[in-house]
């Protein structure tokens, strides 16, 4: 059984809806052999990352940067996971208040330092909650889980 770790900062009802779409896709009934572990950045420790075979990150854009919660996560797991998680498949979604690119850049910079492997283009959503985003997020979650199950990354 492989584990997909979903680490997402979802402080509002809208961001919780986005997270639910990701988890729904990752937990699709046609995908077997993948456990989905959903955690807040504050509740994620290095051992959770070390025990996963893939990671899906979600963040709000705060002041043109990733959320403080996700930055705190990276600060705590970076050195304990640096050597052990290189080439870990990962994906990212950003709920941007502005354009989301600042948050995307900040996360991609840290992911690059960890030498994780982005296996999907980041999904960036701008503005107020749009129900059209939900299928994209479900597809992102399903793609991560299916790819782990198939062993393609």
Protein backbone atom coordinates (compact mmCIF):
# COMPACT_ATOMS: atom_id res chain seq x y z
CA UNK A 1 0.00 0.00 0.00
CA UNK A 2 1.44 3.40 -0.99
CA UNK A 3 0.62 6.64 0.77
CA UNK A 4 -0.32 9.97 -0.77
CA UNK A 5 0.13 12.77 1.73
CA UNK A 6 -2.11 15.80 1.17
CA UNK A 7 -0.87 18.85 3.07
CA UNK A 8 -3.20 21.79 2.62
CA UNK A 9 -3.88 25.05 4.39
CA UNK A 10 -7.67 25.39 4.21
CA UNK A 11 -8.64 28.17 6.63
CA UNK A 12 -12.02 29.08 5.12
CA UNK A 13 -15.15 27.27 3.97
CA UNK A 14 -14.17 27.97 0.34
CA UNK A 15 -10.68 26.48 0.73
CA UNK A 16 -12.16 23.50 2.57
CA UNK A 17 -14.37 22.87 -0.49
CA UNK A 18 -11.24 22.94 -2.68
CA UNK A 19 -9.46 20.49 -0.39
CA UNK A 20 -12.50 18.20 -0.41
CA UNK A 21 -12.41 18.09 -4.22
CA UNK A 22 -8.73 17.07 -4.17
CA UNK A 23 -9.37 14.36 -1.58
CA UNK A 24 -12.44 13.10 -3.44
CA UNK A 25 -10.36 12.65 -6.59
CA UNK A 26 -7.49 11.00 -4.73
CA UNK A 27 -9.93 8.63 -3.03
CA UNK A 28 -11.68 7.57 -6.24
CA UNK A 29 -13.18 4.07 -5.82
CA UNK A 30 -11.36 2.77 -8.92
CA UNK A 31 -7.98 3.45 -7.29
CA UNK A 32 -6.78 0.62 -5.08
CA UNK A 33 -3.63 0.36 -3.06
CA UNK A 34 -3.31 4.05 -2.21
CA UNK A 35 -3.95 5.47 1.23
CA UNK A 36 -4.73 9.20 1.32
CA UNK A 37 -3.44 10.96 4.45
CA UNK A 38 -4.89 14.48 4.71
CA UNK A 39 -3.22 16.90 7.10
CA UNK A 40 -3.06 20.54 8.00
CA UNK A 41 0.46 21.96 7.58
CA UNK A 42 0.51 22.52 11.35
CA UNK A 43 -0.23 18.84 12.00
CA UNK A 44 2.34 17.44 9.59
CA UNK A 45 5.67 16.23 10.93
CA UNK A 46 8.78 14.98 9.14
CA UNK A 47 7.80 11.35 9.79
CA UNK A 48 4.55 11.89 7.85
CA UNK A 49 6.53 13.07 4.83
CA UNK A 50 9.10 10.29 5.23
CA UNK A 51 6.29 7.71 5.29
CA UNK A 52 4.68 8.95 2.06
CA UNK A 53 5.45 8.02 -1.53
CA UNK A 54 3.91 11.21 -2.94
CA UNK A 55 2.77 14.60 -1.68
CA UNK A 56 0.09 17.02 -2.84
CA UNK A 57 0.35 20.54 -1.47
CA UNK A 58 -2.37 23.17 -1.20
CA UNK A 59 -2.00 26.76 -0.11
CA UNK A 60 -3.70 30.08 -0.09
CA UNK A 61 -1.82 33.06 -1.45
CA UNK A 62 -1.08 35.47 1.38
CA UNK A 63 0.57 38.79 0.53
CA UNK A 64 1.88 37.32 -2.73
CA UNK A 65 3.46 34.35 -0.93
CA UNK A 66 2.47 30.88 0.26
CA UNK A 67 0.48 30.73 3.48
CA UNK A 68 2.41 31.06 6.71
CA UNK A 69 1.09 27.63 7.66
CA UNK A 70 2.71 25.97 4.63
CA UNK A 71 5.93 27.92 5.20
CA UNK A 72 5.95 26.65 8.80
CA UNK A 73 5.53 23.09 7.47
CA UNK A 74 8.51 23.51 5.14
CA UNK A 75 10.62 25.05 7.92
CA UNK A 76 10.01 22.01 10.14
CA UNK A 77 10.42 19.24 7.57
CA UNK A 78 13.12 20.63 5.29
CA UNK A 79 16.33 19.33 6.88
CA UNK A 80 14.90 16.13 8.38
CA UNK A 81 13.52 15.17 4.91
CA UNK A 82 16.15 16.71 2.62
CA UNK A 83 18.23 13.61 1.93
CA UNK A 84 15.52 10.97 2.29
CA UNK A 85 12.80 12.39 0.03
CA UNK A 86 14.67 13.50 -3.08
CA UNK A 87 12.67 12.84 -6.26
CA UNK A 88 9.42 12.54 -4.27
CA UNK A 89 6.55 13.09 -6.72
CA UNK A 90 4.53 16.15 -5.81
CA UNK A 91 1.82 18.47 -7.06
CA UNK A 92 0.54 21.89 -6.00
CA UNK A 93 -2.63 23.91 -6.03
CA UNK A 94 -2.90 27.57 -5.05
CA UNK A 95 -5.98 29.60 -4.16
CA UNK A 96 -4.84 33.08 -5.09
CA UNK A 97 -6.34 36.33 -3.97
CA UNK A 98 -4.16 38.13 -6.49
CA UNK A 99 -2.80 36.05 -9.34
CA UNK A 100 -1.29 33.20 -7.30
CA UNK A 101 2.08 33.33 -9.02
CA UNK A 102 3.97 34.63 -5.98
CA UNK A 103 2.72 31.72 -3.89
CA UNK A 104 3.53 29.32 -6.72
CA UNK A 105 7.10 30.67 -7.05
CA UNK A 106 7.73 30.48 -3.32
CA UNK A 107 6.57 26.86 -3.07
CA UNK A 108 8.43 25.82 -6.23
CA UNK A 109 11.63 27.32 -4.84
CA UNK A 110 11.46 25.17 -1.72
CA UNK A 111 10.40 22.10 -3.69
CA UNK A 112 13.45 22.65 -5.89
CA UNK A 113 15.69 22.76 -2.84
CA UNK A 114 14.19 19.51 -1.58
CA UNK A 115 14.67 18.07 -5.08
CA UNK A 116 11.07 16.88 -5.20
CA UNK A 117 9.69 16.14 -8.65
CA UNK A 118 6.64 18.11 -9.84
CA UNK A 119 4.56 15.58 -11.77
CA UNK A 120 1.71 17.94 -12.74
CA UNK A 121 1.54 21.61 -13.61
CA UNK A 122 0.43 23.64 -10.58
CA UNK A 123 -3.27 24.48 -10.51
CA UNK A 124 -3.76 28.16 -9.72
CA UNK A 125 -7.20 29.54 -8.97
CA UNK A 126 -7.80 33.29 -8.75
CA UNK A 127 -10.56 35.21 -7.06
CA UNK A 128 -13.75 33.97 -5.45
CA UNK A 129 -14.67 30.29 -5.35
CA UNK A 130 -15.71 29.02 -8.77
CA UNK A 131 -17.42 25.62 -8.96
CA UNK A 132 -15.62 25.04 -12.29
CA UNK A 133 -12.39 24.60 -10.30
CA UNK A 134 -13.63 21.49 -8.52
CA UNK A 135 -13.29 19.04 -11.43
CA UNK A 136 -9.71 20.27 -12.06
CA UNK A 137 -8.83 19.70 -8.43
CA UNK A 138 -10.48 16.27 -8.37
CA UNK A 139 -8.48 15.40 -11.49
CA UNK A 140 -5.27 16.56 -9.79
CA UNK A 141 -5.96 14.35 -6.76
CA UNK A 142 -6.97 11.41 -8.93
CA UNK A 143 -3.90 11.82 -11.15
CA UNK A 144 -1.57 11.79 -8.16
CA UNK A 145 -3.19 8.72 -6.63
CA UNK A 146 -3.45 6.84 -9.92
CA UNK A 147 0.17 7.62 -10.81
CA UNK A 148 1.35 6.34 -7.44
CA UNK A 149 -0.80 3.24 -7.77
CA UNK A 150 0.57 2.53 -11.26
CA UNK A 151 4.15 3.22 -10.17
CA UNK A 152 4.71 5.75 -12.96
CA UNK A 153 6.28 8.27 -10.60
